[in-house]
């Protein structure tokens, strides 16, 4: 199991993450799919720094009662990234808020993926981060630029998923698609990456 979760990150990190991944509580179920799966179609792989990663669509590990790695370490950030894939939306949001404090480029696919999902409060958190904090983080903007360039199909897929959730669930509160927080965040990311 930890080996599978380790593939969500670039290979240069995997050795330093192995202890934290083993220390995570055992899952209730195996992770489901990966974030590029879309019904019967498999989208192109996601790459970070030119290296393919396999990020699970959902994980079912209970939330740890104790830290599984030292606070602020790459292992802690990686575990929080994995919990952004948790089956419980409240857990995903809490993990995201911790992840957004860091600037590693490899967190970007975890953040982008959340914009193609249905929890509007998470999309609002990301939109706030993108407009307030991200422009002041040049290293992360460079990472975003690289990610969008390398993964344009995935970014487009995320926009399509966000549009679908807007049309299905949020059209009554956000009359225009361009006012939906996920679309605002994705547009701001594209603008920063341009």
Protein backbone atom coordinates (compact mmCIF):
# COMPACT_ATOMS: atom_id res chain seq x y z
CA UNK A 1 0.00 0.00 0.00
CA UNK A 2 2.61 2.65 0.89
CA UNK A 3 4.42 1.86 -2.36
CA UNK A 4 1.25 2.67 -4.29
CA UNK A 5 0.76 5.95 -2.43
CA UNK A 6 4.42 6.80 -2.94
CA UNK A 7 3.84 6.91 -6.71
CA UNK A 8 1.76 10.06 -6.15
CA UNK A 9 5.04 11.96 -5.77
CA UNK A 10 8.21 12.42 -7.83
CA UNK A 11 10.72 9.61 -7.33
CA UNK A 12 13.25 11.90 -5.64
CA UNK A 13 10.88 12.25 -2.68
CA UNK A 14 9.78 8.65 -2.28
CA UNK A 15 12.63 7.46 -0.06
CA UNK A 16 12.13 10.32 2.41
CA UNK A 17 8.37 9.67 2.48
CA UNK A 18 8.42 5.92 3.04
CA UNK A 19 8.37 6.06 6.88
CA UNK A 20 5.47 8.53 6.93
CA UNK A 21 3.47 6.47 4.44
CA UNK A 22 3.99 3.33 6.52
CA UNK A 23 2.96 5.24 9.67
CA UNK A 24 -0.38 6.33 8.15
CA UNK A 25 -3.35 4.45 9.61
CA UNK A 26 -4.27 1.38 7.60
CA UNK A 27 -6.96 2.11 5.01
CA UNK A 28 -10.51 0.83 5.26
CA UNK A 29 -10.39 0.14 1.49
CA UNK A 30 -7.76 0.30 -1.21
CA UNK A 31 -7.45 3.70 -2.94
CA UNK A 32 -9.90 4.10 -5.81
CA UNK A 33 -8.62 4.87 -9.29
CA UNK A 34 -6.43 7.81 -10.04
CA UNK A 35 -7.31 11.42 -10.71
CA UNK A 36 -6.97 11.08 -14.47
CA UNK A 37 -9.65 8.39 -14.69
CA UNK A 38 -12.90 9.48 -16.26
CA UNK A 39 -15.42 6.71 -16.62
CA UNK A 40 -14.14 4.45 -19.39
CA UNK A 41 -11.55 6.85 -20.77
CA UNK A 42 -8.02 7.05 -19.42
CA UNK A 43 -6.58 10.54 -19.83
CA UNK A 44 -2.88 11.18 -20.36
CA UNK A 45 -0.69 10.73 -17.32
CA UNK A 46 0.10 13.62 -15.01
CA UNK A 47 3.70 14.71 -14.79
CA UNK A 48 5.52 16.83 -12.25
CA UNK A 49 8.86 18.11 -13.47
CA UNK A 50 8.58 15.78 -16.47
CA UNK A 51 8.11 12.71 -14.28
CA UNK A 52 4.82 10.76 -14.24
CA UNK A 53 2.93 10.54 -10.95
CA UNK A 54 -0.11 8.44 -10.04
CA UNK A 55 -2.35 10.31 -7.62
CA UNK A 56 -5.24 8.31 -6.17
CA UNK A 57 -8.76 9.60 -6.76
CA UNK A 58 -9.81 8.71 -3.21
CA UNK A 59 -8.05 7.32 -0.16
CA UNK A 60 -9.80 5.66 2.76
CA UNK A 61 -7.18 5.90 5.51
CA UNK A 62 -8.53 7.13 8.85
CA UNK A 63 -7.15 10.49 9.92
CA UNK A 64 -4.07 9.90 12.10
CA UNK A 65 -4.42 10.85 15.74
CA UNK A 66 -0.70 11.73 15.91
CA UNK A 67 1.69 13.24 13.40
CA UNK A 68 3.26 10.66 11.13
CA UNK A 69 6.27 12.90 10.40
CA UNK A 70 7.91 16.04 11.86
CA UNK A 71 5.84 19.21 11.44
CA UNK A 72 6.75 21.13 8.29
CA UNK A 73 8.76 18.28 6.79
CA UNK A 74 8.24 17.15 3.21
CA UNK A 75 6.77 13.93 4.57
CA UNK A 76 4.12 15.86 6.51
CA UNK A 77 3.23 17.92 3.44
CA UNK A 78 3.03 14.73 1.35
CA UNK A 79 0.72 13.03 3.85
CA UNK A 80 -1.50 16.13 3.86
CA UNK A 81 -1.51 16.02 0.05
CA UNK A 82 -2.77 12.43 0.22
CA UNK A 83 -5.50 13.47 2.65
CA UNK A 84 -6.71 16.02 0.05
CA UNK A 85 -7.82 12.82 -1.72
CA UNK A 86 -9.77 11.53 1.33
CA UNK A 87 -13.32 10.29 0.92
CA UNK A 88 -14.59 12.84 3.47
CA UNK A 89 -14.85 16.40 2.12
CA UNK A 90 -14.19 17.96 5.54
CA UNK A 91 -10.91 16.02 5.79
CA UNK A 92 -9.99 17.10 2.25
CA UNK A 93 -10.60 20.76 3.15
CA UNK A 94 -8.56 20.62 6.37
CA UNK A 95 -5.67 18.91 4.55
CA UNK A 96 -5.82 21.45 1.72
CA UNK A 97 -5.58 24.36 4.16
CA UNK A 98 -2.38 22.86 5.59
CA UNK A 99 -0.96 22.09 2.14
CA UNK A 100 -1.46 25.67 0.91
CA UNK A 101 1.08 26.92 3.46
CA UNK A 102 3.88 25.26 1.49
CA UNK A 103 5.47 26.01 -1.87
CA UNK A 104 6.62 22.68 -3.29
CA UNK A 105 5.72 22.37 -6.97
CA UNK A 106 4.61 18.76 -6.47
CA UNK A 107 1.57 19.90 -4.44
CA UNK A 108 0.03 21.60 -7.49
CA UNK A 109 -1.79 18.58 -9.00
CA UNK A 110 -3.43 17.88 -5.63
CA UNK A 111 -4.74 21.46 -5.51
CA UNK A 112 -5.85 21.61 -9.16
CA UNK A 113 -7.75 18.32 -8.85
CA UNK A 114 -9.93 19.72 -6.06
CA UNK A 115 -11.27 22.37 -8.46
CA UNK A 116 -12.82 19.62 -10.57
CA UNK A 117 -14.82 18.25 -7.66
CA UNK A 118 -18.12 19.17 -6.05
CA UNK A 119 -17.26 20.76 -2.68
CA UNK A 120 -17.72 24.47 -3.34
CA UNK A 121 -16.18 25.49 0.01
CA UNK A 122 -12.90 23.89 -1.07
CA UNK A 123 -13.09 25.70 -4.41
CA UNK A 124 -13.63 28.98 -2.51
CA UNK A 125 -10.54 28.30 -0.36
CA UNK A 126 -8.43 27.64 -3.45
CA UNK A 127 -9.76 30.69 -5.27
CA UNK A 128 -8.89 32.87 -2.26
CA UNK A 129 -5.40 31.38 -2.15
CA UNK A 130 -4.84 31.85 -5.90
CA UNK A 131 -5.79 35.53 -5.91
CA UNK A 132 -4.29 36.55 -2.53
CA UNK A 133 -1.24 34.39 -1.88
CA UNK A 134 -0.08 32.61 -5.01
CA UNK A 135 1.08 35.75 -6.90
CA UNK A 136 3.49 36.47 -4.01
CA UNK A 137 5.11 33.04 -4.34
CA UNK A 138 7.29 33.19 -7.46
CA UNK A 139 8.67 29.65 -7.06
CA UNK A 140 5.17 28.23 -6.91
CA UNK A 141 4.04 30.35 -9.88
CA UNK A 142 6.96 28.88 -11.87
CA UNK A 143 5.86 25.41 -10.74
CA UNK A 144 2.27 26.17 -11.78
CA UNK A 145 3.45 27.42 -15.19
CA UNK A 146 5.42 24.23 -15.71
CA UNK A 147 2.52 22.06 -14.50
CA UNK A 148 -0.04 23.72 -16.79
CA UNK A 149 2.32 23.41 -19.77
CA UNK A 150 3.13 19.75 -19.08
CA UNK A 151 -0.45 18.78 -18.22
CA UNK A 152 -2.65 20.90 -20.47
CA UNK A 153 -5.04 17.98 -21.10
CA UNK A 154 -5.48 17.40 -17.37
CA UNK A 155 -6.03 21.12 -16.77
CA UNK A 156 -8.67 21.15 -19.52
CA UNK A 157 -10.28 18.02 -18.03
CA UNK A 158 -10.45 19.81 -14.67
CA UNK A 159 -12.15 22.79 -16.30
CA UNK A 160 -14.69 20.44 -17.91
CA UNK A 161 -15.36 18.71 -14.59
CA UNK A 162 -15.79 22.08 -12.85
CA UNK A 163 -18.21 23.18 -15.56
CA UNK A 164 -20.19 19.98 -15.11
CA UNK A 165 -20.50 20.44 -11.34
CA UNK A 166 -21.46 24.08 -11.81
CA UNK A 167 -24.19 23.14 -14.30
CA UNK A 168 -25.52 20.32 -12.14
CA UNK A 169 -25.35 21.77 -8.62
CA UNK A 170 -24.46 25.47 -8.53
CA UNK A 171 -26.15 27.13 -11.48
CA UNK A 172 -28.93 28.46 -9.26
CA UNK A 173 -26.50 30.25 -6.91
CA UNK A 174 -23.91 31.18 -9.57
CA UNK A 175 -25.99 32.14 -12.58
CA UNK A 176 -22.94 32.47 -14.80
CA UNK A 177 -20.24 29.83 -15.01
CA UNK A 178 -17.58 32.52 -14.80
CA UNK A 179 -18.73 33.43 -11.26
CA UNK A 180 -18.33 29.87 -9.93
CA UNK A 181 -15.29 29.75 -7.56
CA UNK A 182 -13.67 26.76 -9.27
CA UNK A 183 -13.80 28.50 -12.66
CA UNK A 184 -12.50 31.73 -11.15
CA UNK A 185 -9.55 29.86 -9.60
CA UNK A 186 -8.78 27.94 -12.80
CA UNK A 187 -8.86 31.13 -14.86
CA UNK A 188 -6.59 32.90 -12.37
CA UNK A 189 -4.20 29.93 -12.49
CA UNK A 190 -4.15 30.01 -16.30
CA UNK A 191 -3.49 33.77 -16.21
CA UNK A 192 -0.61 33.34 -13.73
CA UNK A 193 0.82 30.49 -15.79
CA UNK A 194 0.69 32.51 -19.04
